[in-house]
Amino acid sequence: MKNILKIENITKEYKIASKKVIALNNISLNVQTGDCLAIVGESGSGKTTLGRLILGLENPTKGNIFYNNKNISIKRSIQDRKDIQVVQQNPLTSLNPKNKISSNISLPLKIHKIVKMKSITEKVIELLNSVGLNKDLINSFPSSLSGGQKQRVAIARAIASNPKIIVLDEPTSALDVLVQAKVLKLLSDIQKKYNLTYLFITHDLGVVRNVSNRVVVLKNGEIVEKGETVEVFQRPKHEYTKNLIRSIPVVSIEEEKIKP
């Protein structure tokens, strides 16, 4: 497996009033093609900031980000932006409530000229089908959809530009447990179908255990542990990671006994 994304000595600082706040401190990690790399930590650990840097929404204070060996830290092409997409926690922040579902999904198709204009509707229907939604929703507005349906539309929009990497920022935290399980299954199926690489940002280690193959644990802007998911869960090294794993809800005494 080759590295599709390389984070090299990234530091991100913010100035708040007269104070300097370090959100990320000298972060380095590699993401391989086909990975589902989970970035976990409590609120304020720096995981969302890292996601924003990868998406190009902000620039690092120090360090570099490489996509396919090309430095995209400060400047990136339209193709680079096309290749790295996002699914956010709340789909309403990415879906325009004033536009129909067809318009929301077709926007990246038009921007990146994925298909000819006469084939836009056909492609939107294809994308709806790929996320398990009926084509009849094409003329609906986001407000008429359930939370799970909105997130499926957001996923359809993310894959519309034929990306290589998708940053999933707490994509199921706003959903109830049953809907969450269905969306996670959908994300897994889509990753295989389109040969995608995922960066899964979350605080929920219960989700991480089921979806990721590798884990990076952040605390106060620094990596305290990283490795294969199975290894991290079975033999966590850092006390912070152990505490996160201990906090995972369980439903049986047997599960409680295997916690660190």
Protein backbone atom coordinates (compact mmCIF):
# COMPACT_ATOMS: atom_id res chain seq x y z
CA MET A 1 0.00 0.00 0.00
CA LYS A 2 1.35 3.45 -0.86
CA ASN A 3 0.89 6.61 1.17
CA ILE A 4 -1.85 8.75 -0.35
CA LEU A 5 -1.60 11.40 2.35
CA LYS A 6 1.34 12.43 4.50
CA ILE A 7 1.14 14.82 7.44
CA GLU A 8 4.62 16.05 8.30
CA ASN A 9 5.38 17.99 11.51
CA ILE A 10 2.15 19.98 11.41
CA THR A 11 1.62 22.71 14.00
CA LYS A 12 -1.45 24.95 14.10
CA GLU A 13 -1.55 28.03 16.31
CA TYR A 14 -4.36 30.51 16.89
CA LYS A 15 -4.18 33.95 18.43
CA ILE A 16 -7.04 34.63 20.83
CA ALA A 17 -6.82 38.17 22.20
CA SER A 18 -3.20 38.46 23.23
CA LYS A 19 -2.75 34.74 23.88
CA LYS A 20 -1.34 32.05 21.59
CA VAL A 21 -3.27 28.78 21.57
CA ILE A 22 -1.65 25.67 20.10
CA ALA A 23 -4.37 23.47 18.58
CA LEU A 24 -1.93 20.98 17.01
CA ASN A 25 1.66 20.47 18.08
CA ASN A 26 4.11 18.81 15.66
CA ILE A 27 1.73 16.16 14.28
CA SER A 28 3.05 13.54 11.82
CA LEU A 29 1.17 10.61 10.32
CA ASN A 30 0.79 8.65 7.08
CA VAL A 31 -2.48 7.60 5.46
CA GLN A 32 -2.35 4.68 3.06
CA THR A 33 -4.62 4.13 0.08
CA GLY A 34 -7.72 2.25 1.22
CA ASP A 35 -7.28 3.10 4.89
CA CYS A 36 -10.11 3.94 7.22
CA LEU A 37 -7.98 5.90 9.65
CA ALA A 38 -9.82 6.95 12.80
CA ILE A 39 -8.71 10.17 14.47
CA VAL A 40 -10.05 10.09 18.02
CA GLY A 41 -9.96 12.23 21.11
CA GLU A 42 -12.08 14.36 23.40
CA SER A 43 -13.45 17.78 22.46
CA GLY A 44 -10.53 20.17 22.16
CA SER A 45 -8.01 17.46 21.32
CA GLY A 46 -7.36 18.95 17.86
CA LYS A 47 -9.02 16.32 15.69
CA THR A 48 -11.41 18.70 13.89
CA THR A 49 -8.59 21.21 13.34
CA LEU A 50 -6.56 18.44 11.71
CA GLY A 51 -9.52 17.64 9.45
CA ARG A 52 -9.84 21.30 8.41
CA LEU A 53 -6.15 21.43 7.51
CA ILE A 54 -6.44 18.28 5.41
CA LEU A 55 -9.46 19.77 3.60
CA GLY A 56 -7.58 23.00 2.94
CA LEU A 57 -10.05 25.11 4.91
CA GLU A 58 -7.11 26.42 6.95
CA ASN A 59 -3.34 26.52 6.49
CA PRO A 60 -0.87 25.07 8.99
CA THR A 61 1.34 27.41 11.01
CA LYS A 62 4.25 25.04 10.47
CA GLY A 63 4.78 21.76 8.66
CA ASN A 64 3.53 20.24 5.41
CA ILE A 65 0.70 18.16 4.00
CA PHE A 66 1.43 15.95 0.99
CA TYR A 67 -1.22 14.40 -1.26
CA ASN A 68 0.26 11.80 -3.63
CA ASN A 69 3.71 13.29 -2.89
CA LYS A 70 2.53 16.80 -3.84
CA ASN A 71 2.73 19.54 -1.22
CA ILE A 72 -0.78 20.95 -0.71
CA SER A 73 -0.10 22.75 2.58
CA ILE A 74 -0.72 26.28 1.34
CA LYS A 75 -1.94 26.05 -2.23
CA ARG A 76 -3.90 23.32 -3.96
CA SER A 77 -5.43 22.87 -7.39
CA ILE A 78 -9.08 22.34 -8.29
CA GLN A 79 -8.19 18.68 -8.87
CA ASP A 80 -6.76 18.40 -5.35
CA ARG A 81 -9.97 19.86 -3.90
CA LYS A 82 -12.04 17.53 -6.07
CA ASP A 83 -10.08 14.54 -4.75
CA ILE A 84 -10.53 15.36 -1.03
CA GLN A 85 -14.16 15.71 0.08
CA VAL A 86 -16.00 15.89 3.40
CA VAL A 87 -19.10 14.55 5.14
CA GLN A 88 -19.92 16.70 8.16
CA GLN A 89 -21.61 15.96 11.47
CA ASN A 90 -24.70 17.96 10.62
CA PRO A 91 -25.72 17.61 6.95
CA LEU A 92 -27.71 20.83 7.18
CA THR A 93 -24.43 22.74 7.35
CA SER A 94 -23.46 21.39 3.92
CA LEU A 95 -26.88 21.06 2.26
CA ASN A 96 -28.50 24.29 1.12
CA PRO A 97 -32.00 24.23 2.68
CA LYS A 98 -33.34 26.50 -0.09
CA ASN A 99 -32.32 24.10 -2.85
CA LYS A 100 -33.89 20.80 -3.83
CA ILE A 101 -31.97 17.55 -3.37
CA SER A 102 -31.21 17.52 -7.09
CA SER A 103 -29.47 20.90 -6.86
CA ASN A 104 -27.53 19.96 -3.73
CA ILE A 105 -26.11 16.80 -5.28
CA SER A 106 -25.58 18.22 -8.77
CA LEU A 107 -23.43 21.17 -7.62
CA PRO A 108 -20.10 19.24 -7.56
CA LEU A 109 -21.08 17.53 -10.83
CA LYS A 110 -21.33 20.95 -12.48
CA ILE A 111 -18.29 22.53 -10.79
CA HIS A 112 -15.98 19.67 -11.71
CA LYS A 113 -17.72 18.86 -15.01
CA ILE A 114 -18.13 15.19 -14.10
CA VAL A 115 -20.83 14.58 -16.70
CA LYS A 116 -22.42 16.57 -19.52
CA MET A 117 -25.29 18.89 -18.56
CA LYS A 118 -27.88 16.71 -20.30
CA SER A 119 -26.82 13.76 -18.10
CA ILE A 120 -26.94 15.59 -14.74
CA THR A 121 -30.37 14.29 -13.67
CA GLU A 122 -29.49 10.73 -14.62
CA LYS A 123 -26.26 10.96 -12.59
CA VAL A 124 -28.08 12.41 -9.55
CA ILE A 125 -30.53 9.50 -9.63
CA GLU A 126 -27.59 7.08 -9.86
CA LEU A 127 -25.99 8.71 -6.80
CA LEU A 128 -29.26 8.58 -4.86
CA ASN A 129 -29.54 4.88 -5.64
CA SER A 130 -25.94 4.31 -4.52
CA VAL A 131 -26.77 5.62 -1.03
CA GLY A 132 -30.07 3.74 -0.78
CA LEU A 133 -32.46 6.60 -1.51
CA ASN A 134 -35.43 6.60 -3.87
CA LYS A 135 -35.21 8.75 -6.97
CA ASP A 136 -38.58 10.30 -6.00
CA LEU A 137 -36.69 12.42 -3.46
CA ILE A 138 -34.93 14.31 -6.23
CA ASN A 139 -37.40 17.22 -6.06
CA SER A 140 -37.67 17.28 -2.26
CA PHE A 141 -36.11 19.87 0.02
CA PRO A 142 -33.72 18.87 2.85
CA SER A 143 -36.28 19.95 5.48
CA SER A 144 -38.64 17.16 4.41
CA LEU A 145 -36.05 14.42 4.98
CA SER A 146 -35.18 12.51 8.14
CA GLY A 147 -31.74 12.86 9.75
CA GLY A 148 -30.55 9.60 8.21
CA GLN A 149 -31.81 10.58 4.76
CA LYS A 150 -30.09 13.97 4.97
CA GLN A 151 -26.80 12.29 5.84
CA ARG A 152 -27.21 9.91 2.90
CA VAL A 153 -27.72 12.90 0.60
CA ALA A 154 -24.56 14.47 2.07
CA ILE A 155 -22.68 11.23 1.33
CA ALA A 156 -24.05 11.17 -2.23
CA ARG A 157 -22.85 14.73 -2.70
CA ALA A 158 -19.40 13.86 -1.33
CA ILE A 159 -18.90 10.97 -3.77
CA ALA A 160 -20.34 12.93 -6.74
CA SER A 161 -16.93 14.37 -7.67
CA ASN A 162 -15.27 10.91 -7.72
CA PRO A 163 -12.95 11.71 -4.78
CA LYS A 164 -10.01 9.65 -3.55
CA ILE A 165 -10.24 10.72 0.12
CA ILE A 166 -13.27 11.56 2.27
CA VAL A 167 -12.93 13.26 5.65
CA LEU A 168 -15.81 12.04 7.82
CA ASP A 169 -16.23 14.51 10.69
CA GLU A 170 -18.43 12.84 13.33
CA PRO A 171 -20.76 11.68 10.50
CA THR A 172 -23.12 9.64 12.71
CA SER A 173 -23.03 11.42 16.07
CA ALA A 174 -26.29 13.30 15.38
CA LEU A 175 -28.17 10.07 14.50
CA ASP A 176 -29.94 7.56 16.73
CA VAL A 177 -28.34 4.15 17.21
CA LEU A 178 -30.30 2.20 14.58
CA VAL A 179 -29.87 4.85 11.88
CA GLN A 180 -26.20 5.20 12.85
CA ALA A 181 -25.60 1.48 12.22
CA LYS A 182 -27.22 1.69 8.77
CA VAL A 183 -25.16 4.75 7.78
CA LEU A 184 -21.93 3.10 8.98
CA LYS A 185 -22.77 0.02 6.89
CA LEU A 186 -23.43 2.28 3.90
CA LEU A 187 -20.08 4.06 4.37
CA SER A 188 -18.30 0.71 4.50
CA ASP A 189 -20.01 -0.49 1.31
CA ILE A 190 -19.25 2.77 -0.51
CA GLN A 191 -15.60 2.67 0.51
CA LYS A 192 -15.22 -0.76 -1.08
CA LYS A 193 -17.26 0.10 -4.18
CA TYR A 194 -15.38 3.32 -4.98
CA ASN A 195 -11.96 2.36 -3.55
CA LEU A 196 -12.00 5.31 -1.15
CA THR A 197 -9.68 6.31 1.67
CA TYR A 198 -11.40 7.53 4.83
CA LEU A 199 -10.28 9.79 7.65
CA PHE A 200 -12.88 9.15 10.32
CA ILE A 201 -12.91 11.90 12.95
CA THR A 202 -14.82 10.90 16.08
CA HIS A 203 -14.88 10.80 19.86
CA ASP A 204 -16.80 7.50 19.83
CA LEU A 205 -14.44 4.56 20.22
CA GLY A 206 -17.36 2.16 19.95
CA VAL A 207 -17.75 3.28 16.33
CA VAL A 208 -13.98 3.24 15.74
CA ARG A 209 -13.69 -0.39 16.74
CA ASN A 210 -16.22 -1.37 14.07
CA VAL A 211 -15.17 0.76 11.09
CA SER A 212 -11.44 1.59 11.15
CA ASN A 213 -8.31 -0.42 10.43
CA ARG A 214 -5.96 2.12 12.03
CA VAL A 215 -6.30 4.60 14.89
CA VAL A 216 -4.61 7.86 15.88
CA VAL A 217 -5.34 9.11 19.42
CA LEU A 218 -5.03 12.87 20.00
CA LYS A 219 -4.79 14.65 23.34
CA ASN A 220 -4.24 18.39 23.71
CA GLY A 221 -3.08 18.68 20.11
CA GLU A 222 -0.54 15.86 20.27
CA ILE A 223 -0.55 12.23 19.15
CA VAL A 224 -0.33 10.01 22.24
CA GLU A 225 -0.88 6.70 20.46
CA LYS A 226 -1.33 5.27 16.97
CA GLY A 227 -1.45 1.85 15.38
CA GLU A 228 -3.64 -0.92 14.06
CA THR A 229 -7.15 -0.76 15.54
CA VAL A 230 -7.04 -4.30 16.93
CA GLU A 231 -3.65 -3.69 18.56
CA VAL A 232 -4.68 -0.37 20.11
CA PHE A 233 -7.87 -1.83 21.57
CA GLN A 234 -6.31 -5.02 22.87
CA ARG A 235 -3.01 -3.57 24.08
CA PRO A 236 -3.35 0.20 24.59
CA LYS A 237 -0.10 1.75 25.81
CA HIS A 238 -1.06 5.26 26.90
CA GLU A 239 -3.20 5.81 29.98
CA TYR A 240 -5.36 8.32 28.09
CA THR A 241 -6.20 5.66 25.46
CA LYS A 242 -7.02 3.18 28.23
CA ASN A 243 -9.41 5.66 29.81
CA LEU A 244 -11.13 6.28 26.46
CA ILE A 245 -11.60 2.54 25.97
CA ARG A 246 -12.86 2.11 29.53
CA SER A 247 -15.55 4.70 28.81
CA ILE A 248 -17.10 2.65 25.95
CA PRO A 249 -20.61 1.49 26.99
CA VAL A 250 -21.00 -2.31 27.16
CA VAL A 251 -23.99 -4.63 27.50
CA SER A 252 -22.46 -7.63 29.23
CA ILE A 253 -20.14 -8.56 32.10
CA GLU A 254 -17.88 -10.38 29.62
CA GLU A 255 -17.33 -7.19 27.64
CA GLU A 256 -16.62 -5.24 30.81
CA LYS A 257 -13.97 -7.78 31.84
CA ILE A 258 -11.89 -7.32 28.67
CA LYS A 259 -11.57 -3.57 29.11
CA PRO A 260 -8.04 -2.40 30.02
